[in-house]
Structures are given as structure tokens and as C-alpha cells.
Amino acid sequence: MGDHYKTRMSGIYIHIPFCKQACYYCNFHFSTSVAKQGAMVESLLQEITLQKDYLARAPVHTIYFGGGTPSLLQAEELQALLSQLRATFPVDVDAEITLEANPDDLNIEKLSMLKAAGINRLSIGIQSFHEEDLTWMNRAHNSRQALECIQQAQELGFHNITIDLIYGGPTLTDEGWQQNVQQAIALGIPHLSCYALTVEPGTALDHFIKKKKMAATDPDKAAHHFEMLMEMLGAAGYEHYEISNFALPGWHSRHNSSYWQGKTYLGLGPSAHSFNGHSRQWNIANNAQYMQSIKAGKVPFEIESLTTAMQFNEYIMTALRTSAGANLEWVAEKFGAPLATQLVAHSQPFITAQHMERVGDTLRLTRAGRLFADGIAAELFI
């Protein structure tokens, strides 16, 4: 039974909207000017207080600094934010506290500072260990820094490390992708998030491809790289617990798992999203307007109440991406028995095609089905 869906635990996400330079493929909200970084941290501290009741005193078991590039924060800024969060919310003593970092920001001094501030999990944006890929993506770090920052973090006692890798790009050969994955395994990294290179509208990459300055992405190449990835990490003992996420046993991301399990979370900072089980809200994606509004004592957000259909569709979309799959008993309890029956009926063609399987009360994707996850989920929506 999907009891974990009812556990009163929550997470907090903090969006740090600054980057040194823009990666060509990125469509997240950020600014390359860090002139207002101090003022932004002041606004975040204020928003923490303004949102103190949002989680209804549910214990906070994960805190996640995302962005942008949170590793641009100073030691004092990070400590101030964590102190304020602990003073305002019931944060678990052993909460998982993750900080996204870029290799070029990480050195022994910075890593020691992060550890002292209370960061116990690092999410490092490696993307590739090959120079030509990093240059093509317009990353701020080089291949030497990619390797060194991981080794230094491990030496300093950071065991809970996840890295991002991107596959399917025009500069990445099959051999190069194999080397990237083997390098991660050899380093003993317990968690990997691996993404196919996608062309998001409005990004520099989108512009370059339209202007024929760069080659378009190849979906067949990406699918082949994904199959190589599943094969290699499976053989190395990693659990493929969500479409893009692989972990050694016991090293799943607690924060991201909460999203996929429909738990409540609070998002702080410009463009950050929050979810309380009934509605979703998102802060304005404009740094100046965000800070102005917070200064006036008002969180600038838009909100939507989630209809039963929206909640069901969201559950199907996220549950099918995970190895846990969709729990029919929980669907019946939350949405009614007729919807659970309908879900089983609509899943039948995919089960016949061996893209899904039913195990007891659970519907989940097979390995072959993972290549079509989003399409299958869309077919099961109401």
C-alpha cells in the first residue's frame, strides 16, 4: 500500500538565481549579474518568515539549494539561510541538505566552508568529463576541474554526492559516453542524474540550431545512449529508481523522491514552485520584481487549485517515472475505484506490448517502456 504518500513530511527548495555564464541548453531562471546577490539573500531570509505557515508545521526532512548556481553563495549567506530555516521550521536533525554546485566553484576552501555550513549532500553539474562537450555546451569548467572537484569533495568527507551527466549531444560519441559513465562508476559516486540533451524553446541552443550554426539533436542517438546507460549502471549495481536517476542501494535522493511521492514542499526565491497537496503556486520569475514585492511584505506568486483530474494525471506522470510505479490501491482510495479500474483497462495495451507490467497492486514501466515514459503516461491521463 502506498503509505508513503500520506506521511506528513515536507521539503524546502531555495532558488538561487545567479550564474557566471549561460549554458547554451539551459532554460532555468537566472541572471549572470551577481551585483544583487546580497540583496537577494536578504529577500530570501524575509520570504522564509513570510511563508512560515505554508507547511503547517510538518517536519522538514530535506532542504535543497538549486538554481542558478548556489555554489556562488558566500559562507555567511549560506549559514544565515540555514539558521533562519531552522529557526522558522521544524527541520529534522538529520535532514538531507543538498547544494547544487559547479566544478569551477569548488576547491578545498569552498568545500570545507560548505561542510561547516551544514551541507551534507552535493549535486555537482559535471555534464561531461570531455573537453569538447564542455566547450560545446558553454560550461564554465574544464575536464580537469570536473575530475578534481569530485576527488577533493570525497577527501573532505562528502560521501553523499550526485553528479549530472548529459547524453545525446552532437560532440558526444558512443565511446565518449561509455567513458563518462565508467569514470563516474570508477569514482564510486553513489548517485547519478543523467539527461538527454533537449532543445528548450528560447535557449541559445534553440537559436543556434534554427540559424544552422549547430547541428540538431538526434533522438536515435539519445535513445541508444540511454540504453547503454541502463546496461552499464545496472551491471555496476545501481538502482534505476526514476527515469533519469540511478543510485547505489541506500543513496536515493530523499528530496526528489518527495516530489515523486506527492509530498508537500515550499519553494523560496524567484520562479520557485510550492505544493501543499491541494494547490500549486509559483513565484514570479523576475529578480527585481520579486525583491521589490518581498520588501513590501508580500510574496509575489500565482496559484492554481488542482482538480481531481490534474492530481490524478500528475500522480500517473510522476509515479510511472519511478521504479515504485503506480499503486492501484492508493489510486482507488484517493480517486475512487472506477478510476483505478479504468487505469488498469487503459494500461492493458502497454502490458501486451511489454512496455508495462502489473505486479500485484502496482503498475510500472518495463525497461523497454522507459524509453516511452512520457508518451505512455499521456495516454493514461484523464
Protein backbone atom coordinates (compact mmCIF):
# COMPACT_ATOMS: atom_id res chain seq x y z
CA MET A 1 0.00 0.00 0.00
CA GLY A 2 1.31 3.48 -0.81
CA ASP A 3 1.53 4.68 2.80
CA HIS A 4 4.45 6.93 1.95
CA TYR A 5 2.04 9.18 0.08
CA LYS A 6 0.35 10.13 3.34
CA THR A 7 3.40 10.69 5.55
CA ARG A 8 3.46 14.24 6.89
CA MET A 9 6.94 15.18 5.80
CA SER A 10 7.96 18.03 3.64
CA GLY A 11 10.83 19.62 1.79
CA ILE A 12 12.09 23.13 1.14
CA TYR A 13 13.60 24.29 -2.15
CA ILE A 14 15.58 27.56 -2.39
CA HIS A 15 16.22 29.04 -5.82
CA ILE A 16 19.50 30.97 -6.14
CA PRO A 17 19.03 32.82 -9.46
CA PHE A 18 22.63 33.64 -10.43
CA CYS A 19 25.15 32.07 -12.82
CA LYS A 20 28.62 33.10 -14.02
CA GLN A 21 27.66 32.41 -17.61
CA ALA A 22 24.75 30.94 -19.54
CA CYS A 23 24.99 27.32 -20.71
CA TYR A 24 23.55 27.10 -24.23
CA TYR A 25 20.92 24.47 -23.36
CA CYS A 26 19.60 25.99 -20.09
CA ASN A 27 16.10 27.41 -19.70
CA PHE A 28 16.05 27.91 -15.90
CA HIS A 29 15.56 31.35 -14.41
CA PHE A 30 18.85 33.09 -13.59
CA SER A 31 20.86 36.30 -14.05
CA THR A 32 24.56 36.48 -14.98
CA SER A 33 24.95 39.65 -12.89
CA VAL A 34 25.68 38.86 -9.24
CA ALA A 35 25.61 42.54 -8.20
CA LYS A 36 22.33 41.98 -6.33
CA GLN A 37 23.32 38.69 -4.66
CA GLY A 38 23.44 40.16 -1.13
CA ALA A 39 20.09 41.87 -1.55
CA MET A 40 18.59 38.64 -2.93
CA VAL A 41 19.74 36.70 0.16
CA GLU A 42 18.07 39.38 2.34
CA SER A 43 14.84 38.87 0.38
CA LEU A 44 15.08 35.09 0.79
CA LEU A 45 15.51 35.50 4.56
CA GLN A 46 12.41 37.67 4.59
CA GLU A 47 10.40 35.22 2.45
CA ILE A 48 11.23 32.40 4.90
CA THR A 49 9.44 34.40 7.60
CA LEU A 50 6.53 35.36 5.31
CA GLN A 51 5.98 31.69 4.41
CA LYS A 52 6.39 30.28 7.93
CA ASP A 53 2.87 28.74 7.98
CA TYR A 54 2.86 27.23 4.47
CA LEU A 55 3.95 23.73 5.54
CA ALA A 56 1.58 23.67 8.55
CA ARG A 57 4.39 22.62 10.94
CA ALA A 58 5.07 19.37 9.06
CA PRO A 59 8.63 18.16 9.79
CA VAL A 60 11.10 19.26 7.12
CA HIS A 61 13.33 16.35 6.15
CA THR A 62 15.04 17.84 3.09
CA ILE A 63 16.42 21.24 2.08
CA TYR A 64 17.64 21.80 -1.46
CA PHE A 65 19.59 24.78 -2.81
CA GLY A 66 19.03 24.87 -6.58
CA GLY A 67 19.39 27.43 -9.32
CA GLY A 68 21.13 29.02 -11.00
CA THR A 69 24.36 28.27 -9.21
CA PRO A 70 24.00 28.09 -5.40
CA SER A 71 27.75 27.46 -5.05
CA LEU A 72 28.19 31.19 -5.78
CA LEU A 73 26.84 31.92 -2.25
CA GLN A 74 29.26 33.11 0.44
CA ALA A 75 29.71 31.09 3.66
CA GLU A 76 27.87 33.70 5.74
CA GLU A 77 24.95 33.84 3.28
CA LEU A 78 24.52 30.08 3.34
CA GLN A 79 24.76 29.92 7.12
CA ALA A 80 22.25 32.76 7.52
CA LEU A 81 19.72 31.00 5.29
CA LEU A 82 20.10 27.65 7.07
CA SER A 83 19.88 29.28 10.53
CA GLN A 84 16.71 31.12 9.54
CA LEU A 85 15.15 27.94 8.12
CA ARG A 86 15.91 26.04 11.34
CA ALA A 87 14.52 28.87 13.48
CA THR A 88 11.30 29.00 11.42
CA PHE A 89 10.52 25.36 10.53
CA PRO A 90 10.83 22.03 12.40
CA VAL A 91 13.87 20.83 10.44
CA ASP A 92 14.93 17.23 11.20
CA VAL A 93 18.34 16.95 12.87
CA ASP A 94 19.42 14.52 10.16
CA ALA A 95 17.77 16.41 7.28
CA GLU A 96 19.29 15.86 3.84
CA ILE A 97 20.71 19.28 2.85
CA THR A 98 21.74 19.42 -0.80
CA LEU A 99 23.57 22.19 -2.63
CA GLU A 100 23.92 22.32 -6.41
CA ALA A 101 27.48 23.29 -7.35
CA ASN A 102 29.56 23.86 -10.44
CA PRO A 103 33.06 22.34 -10.57
CA ASP A 104 34.73 25.73 -11.16
CA ASP A 105 33.36 26.99 -7.80
CA LEU A 106 34.65 24.04 -5.82
CA ASN A 107 38.09 23.96 -4.21
CA ILE A 108 39.31 22.69 -0.82
CA GLU A 109 38.49 26.00 0.85
CA LYS A 110 34.97 26.26 -0.61
CA LEU A 111 34.21 22.60 0.12
CA SER A 112 35.34 22.98 3.76
CA MET A 113 33.08 26.02 4.06
CA LEU A 114 30.08 24.14 2.66
CA LYS A 115 30.67 21.27 5.09
CA ALA A 116 30.97 23.65 8.05
CA ALA A 117 27.75 25.43 6.99
CA GLY A 118 25.84 22.14 7.25
CA ILE A 119 25.65 20.99 3.62
CA ASN A 120 25.70 17.16 3.68
CA ARG A 121 24.93 16.38 0.03
CA LEU A 122 26.48 17.82 -3.12
CA SER A 123 24.87 17.87 -6.54
CA ILE A 124 27.68 18.66 -8.97
CA GLY A 125 26.95 19.79 -12.53
CA ILE A 126 29.66 17.79 -14.30
CA GLN A 127 27.71 17.16 -17.58
CA SER A 128 30.78 15.53 -19.18
CA PHE A 129 34.39 14.61 -18.43
CA HIS A 130 35.36 15.53 -22.04
CA GLU A 131 36.66 18.95 -23.00
CA GLU A 132 34.94 19.14 -26.40
CA ASP A 133 31.49 18.52 -24.86
CA LEU A 134 32.01 21.17 -22.15
CA THR A 135 33.17 23.75 -24.72
CA TRP A 136 30.19 22.98 -26.96
CA MET A 137 27.75 23.44 -24.01
CA ASN A 138 29.48 26.69 -22.96
CA ARG A 139 30.18 25.33 -19.47
CA ALA A 140 32.40 27.44 -17.17
CA HIS A 141 34.57 24.48 -16.09
CA ASN A 142 37.04 22.19 -17.87
CA SER A 143 37.55 18.42 -17.77
CA ARG A 144 40.37 18.63 -15.21
CA GLN A 145 38.14 20.58 -12.79
CA ALA A 146 35.34 18.05 -13.34
CA LEU A 147 37.54 15.26 -12.00
CA GLU A 148 39.39 17.22 -9.31
CA CYS A 149 36.34 18.67 -7.55
CA ILE A 150 34.86 15.19 -7.02
CA GLN A 151 38.11 13.79 -5.65
CA GLN A 152 38.54 16.80 -3.32
CA ALA A 153 34.95 16.53 -2.07
CA GLN A 154 35.46 12.84 -1.31
CA GLU A 155 38.74 13.56 0.50
CA LEU A 156 36.93 16.10 2.68
CA GLY A 157 34.33 13.53 3.70
CA PHE A 158 31.46 14.29 1.34
CA HIS A 159 30.12 10.78 0.71
CA ASN A 160 26.64 11.75 -0.45
CA ILE A 161 27.43 13.10 -3.91
CA THR A 162 25.33 13.14 -7.05
CA ILE A 163 26.54 14.33 -10.44
CA ASP A 164 24.66 15.38 -13.57
CA LEU A 165 25.65 13.97 -16.95
CA ILE A 166 24.19 14.88 -20.35
CA TYR A 167 23.98 12.41 -23.24
CA GLY A 168 22.90 12.55 -26.88
CA GLY A 169 24.82 15.76 -27.74
CA PRO A 170 26.44 16.17 -31.18
CA THR A 171 30.02 16.14 -29.82
CA LEU A 172 29.50 13.02 -27.67
CA THR A 173 30.38 9.70 -29.33
CA ASP A 174 29.21 6.30 -28.04
CA GLU A 175 32.76 5.70 -26.84
CA GLY A 176 32.87 9.10 -25.12
CA TRP A 177 29.57 8.40 -23.36
CA GLN A 178 30.82 4.99 -22.23
CA GLN A 179 33.94 6.67 -20.79
CA ASN A 180 31.83 9.27 -18.94
CA VAL A 181 29.71 6.60 -17.26
CA GLN A 182 32.73 4.41 -16.50
CA GLN A 183 34.51 7.40 -14.95
CA ALA A 184 31.54 8.02 -12.61
CA ILE A 185 31.46 4.34 -11.60
CA ALA A 186 35.24 4.28 -11.03
CA LEU A 187 34.98 7.34 -8.77
CA GLY A 188 32.45 5.48 -6.63
CA ILE A 189 29.82 8.23 -6.99
CA PRO A 190 26.67 6.87 -5.29
CA HIS A 191 24.07 8.80 -7.32
CA LEU A 192 23.80 9.96 -10.93
CA SER A 193 21.21 12.10 -12.71
CA CYS A 194 21.52 11.61 -16.46
CA TYR A 195 19.58 13.63 -19.01
CA ALA A 196 19.18 13.55 -22.77
CA LEU A 197 20.17 16.85 -24.34
CA THR A 198 16.87 18.58 -25.11
CA VAL A 199 16.40 21.77 -27.09
CA GLU A 200 14.22 24.07 -24.98
CA PRO A 201 12.44 26.93 -26.81
CA GLY A 202 14.13 30.30 -26.41
CA THR A 203 17.55 28.93 -25.35
CA ALA A 204 20.79 29.82 -27.13
CA LEU A 205 20.94 26.22 -28.39
CA ASP A 206 17.46 26.57 -29.94
CA HIS A 207 18.59 29.80 -31.65
CA PHE A 208 21.85 28.27 -32.97
CA ILE A 209 20.05 25.23 -34.40
CA LYS A 210 17.44 27.40 -36.14
CA LYS A 211 20.23 29.54 -37.61
CA LYS A 212 22.03 26.32 -38.72
CA LYS A 213 25.07 27.27 -36.59
CA MET A 214 24.78 24.00 -34.65
CA ALA A 215 23.60 20.51 -35.55
CA ALA A 216 20.15 19.44 -34.38
CA THR A 217 19.94 16.75 -31.71
CA ASP A 218 19.45 13.12 -32.78
CA PRO A 219 16.71 11.26 -30.84
CA ASP A 220 18.01 7.85 -32.01
CA LYS A 221 21.45 8.63 -30.62
CA ALA A 222 19.92 9.75 -27.31
CA ALA A 223 17.84 6.54 -27.09
CA HIS A 224 20.95 4.44 -27.77
CA HIS A 225 22.92 6.32 -25.08
CA PHE A 226 20.04 5.79 -22.62
CA GLU A 227 20.12 2.03 -23.31
CA MET A 228 23.91 1.98 -22.84
CA LEU A 229 23.45 3.86 -19.56
CA MET A 230 20.85 1.41 -18.18
CA GLU A 231 23.04 -1.53 -19.15
CA MET A 232 26.29 -0.18 -17.64
CA LEU A 233 24.85 1.16 -14.39
CA GLY A 234 22.69 -1.93 -13.90
CA ALA A 235 25.79 -4.12 -14.22
CA ALA A 236 27.59 -1.88 -11.68
CA GLY A 237 24.84 -2.38 -9.08
CA TYR A 238 22.99 0.93 -9.45
CA GLU A 239 19.20 1.00 -8.99
CA HIS A 240 17.31 2.77 -11.78
CA TYR A 241 14.76 4.25 -9.39
CA GLU A 242 13.47 7.10 -11.59
CA ILE A 243 13.76 7.63 -15.35
CA SER A 244 16.75 9.99 -15.09
CA ASN A 245 18.11 8.87 -11.71
CA PHE A 246 20.35 6.00 -10.68
CA ALA A 247 21.65 5.24 -7.19
CA LEU A 248 23.60 2.62 -5.33
CA PRO A 249 21.37 0.95 -2.69
CA GLY A 250 20.62 3.36 0.16
CA TRP A 251 21.62 6.50 -1.77
CA HIS A 252 18.34 7.60 -3.36
CA SER A 253 17.72 11.37 -3.32
CA ARG A 254 15.33 11.97 -0.44
CA HIS A 255 14.38 15.42 -1.73
CA ASN A 256 13.49 14.41 -5.28
CA SER A 257 11.75 11.25 -4.05
CA SER A 258 9.42 13.52 -2.05
CA TYR A 259 8.38 15.30 -5.25
CA TRP A 260 7.65 11.99 -6.95
CA GLN A 261 5.69 10.76 -3.92
CA GLY A 262 3.42 13.81 -3.88
CA LYS A 263 4.64 15.20 -0.54
CA THR A 264 4.29 18.90 0.27
CA TYR A 265 7.12 21.31 -0.38
CA LEU A 266 7.83 25.02 -0.15
CA GLY A 267 9.75 26.85 -2.85
CA LEU A 268 11.56 30.06 -1.92
CA GLY A 269 13.03 32.62 -4.33
CA PRO A 270 12.12 33.89 -7.80
CA SER A 271 10.47 31.23 -10.06
CA ALA A 272 10.34 28.66 -7.21
CA HIS A 273 7.28 26.36 -7.03
CA SER A 274 5.38 25.24 -3.91
CA PHE A 275 2.81 22.45 -3.44
CA ASN A 276 0.57 21.77 -0.44
CA GLY A 277 -1.47 18.82 -1.68
CA HIS A 278 -4.39 20.92 -2.95
CA SER A 279 -2.82 23.77 -4.88
CA ARG A 280 0.39 24.65 -6.64
CA GLN A 281 1.93 28.11 -6.67
CA TRP A 282 4.97 29.66 -8.28
CA ASN A 283 6.85 32.84 -7.53
CA ILE A 284 7.39 35.50 -10.17
CA ALA A 285 10.42 34.76 -12.41
CA ASN A 286 11.86 38.27 -12.20
CA ASN A 287 14.57 39.11 -9.67
CA ALA A 288 13.84 42.84 -9.35
CA GLN A 289 10.06 42.43 -9.04
CA TYR A 290 10.49 39.56 -6.59
CA MET A 291 12.75 41.61 -4.29
CA GLN A 292 10.52 44.67 -4.53
CA SER A 293 7.43 42.69 -3.56
CA ILE A 294 9.16 40.86 -0.66
CA LYS A 295 10.42 44.21 0.63
CA ALA A 296 6.77 45.35 0.76
CA GLY A 297 5.96 42.23 2.82
CA LYS A 298 4.17 40.29 0.05
CA VAL A 299 5.20 37.04 -1.67
CA PRO A 300 4.62 37.56 -5.43
CA PHE A 301 3.10 34.32 -6.69
CA GLU A 302 0.45 32.86 -8.96
CA ILE A 303 -1.62 29.94 -7.75
CA GLU A 304 -3.77 27.19 -9.23
CA SER A 305 -6.08 24.82 -7.39
CA LEU A 306 -5.57 21.26 -8.56
CA THR A 307 -8.68 19.50 -9.86
CA THR A 308 -9.09 15.75 -9.33
CA ALA A 309 -8.10 15.18 -12.96
CA MET A 310 -4.94 17.30 -12.56
CA GLN A 311 -3.97 15.47 -9.36
CA PHE A 312 -4.58 12.07 -10.99
CA ASN A 313 -2.61 12.98 -14.14
CA GLU A 314 0.26 14.36 -12.09
CA TYR A 315 0.35 11.19 -10.00
CA ILE A 316 0.45 8.99 -13.12
CA MET A 317 3.17 11.14 -14.72
CA THR A 318 5.46 11.04 -11.67
CA ALA A 319 4.69 7.52 -10.41
CA LEU A 320 5.37 5.90 -13.78
CA ARG A 321 8.76 7.61 -13.94
CA THR A 322 9.79 5.75 -10.76
CA SER A 323 10.64 2.10 -10.20
CA ALA A 324 7.93 2.03 -7.48
CA GLY A 325 5.28 2.58 -10.17
CA ALA A 326 1.61 3.49 -9.69
CA ASN A 327 -0.17 1.92 -6.72
CA LEU A 328 -3.72 0.84 -7.66
CA GLU A 329 -4.92 0.55 -4.07
CA TRP A 330 -3.83 4.13 -3.39
CA VAL A 331 -5.46 5.34 -6.66
CA ALA A 332 -8.74 3.69 -5.59
CA GLU A 333 -8.52 5.25 -2.12
CA LYS A 334 -7.65 8.74 -3.33
CA PHE A 335 -9.57 8.96 -6.62
CA GLY A 336 -12.20 6.21 -6.37
CA ALA A 337 -12.42 2.59 -7.52
CA PRO A 338 -13.80 3.40 -11.02
CA LEU A 339 -10.65 5.38 -11.87
CA ALA A 340 -8.42 2.54 -10.66
CA THR A 341 -10.39 0.11 -12.86
CA GLN A 342 -10.10 2.50 -15.82
CA LEU A 343 -6.35 2.80 -15.27
CA VAL A 344 -5.95 -0.97 -15.41
CA ALA A 345 -8.00 -1.17 -18.62
CA HIS A 346 -6.08 1.65 -20.32
CA SER A 347 -2.76 0.07 -19.31
CA GLN A 348 -3.60 -3.26 -20.96
CA PRO A 349 -2.29 -2.42 -24.48
CA PHE A 350 1.05 -1.33 -22.96
CA ILE A 351 1.22 -4.51 -20.87
CA THR A 352 0.56 -6.55 -24.02
CA ALA A 353 3.33 -4.64 -25.82
CA GLN A 354 5.61 -5.40 -22.82
CA HIS A 355 6.15 -1.69 -22.13
CA MET A 356 4.34 -2.01 -18.77
CA GLU A 357 3.87 -4.76 -16.22
CA ARG A 358 1.46 -5.36 -13.37
CA VAL A 359 2.92 -6.79 -10.18
CA GLY A 360 0.24 -7.26 -7.53
CA ASP A 361 -1.32 -3.83 -7.00
CA THR A 362 1.44 -1.99 -8.85
CA LEU A 363 1.63 -0.84 -12.46
CA ARG A 364 5.10 0.06 -13.68
CA LEU A 365 7.13 0.53 -16.83
CA THR A 366 9.39 -2.22 -18.09
CA ARG A 367 12.93 -1.39 -19.16
CA ALA A 368 11.76 -1.15 -22.78
CA GLY A 369 8.86 1.06 -21.70
CA ARG A 370 11.15 3.59 -20.03
CA LEU A 371 12.10 4.88 -23.48
CA PHE A 372 8.46 5.95 -23.96
CA ALA A 373 7.62 7.08 -20.41
CA ASP A 374 6.07 10.47 -21.18
CA GLY A 375 4.05 9.18 -24.12
CA ILE A 376 2.65 6.25 -22.14
CA ALA A 377 1.74 8.50 -19.19
CA ALA A 378 -0.08 10.91 -21.53
CA GLU A 379 -2.18 8.03 -22.91
CA LEU A 380 -3.28 7.13 -19.36
CA PHE A 381 -4.31 10.69 -18.39
CA ILE A 382 -7.95 11.62 -17.81
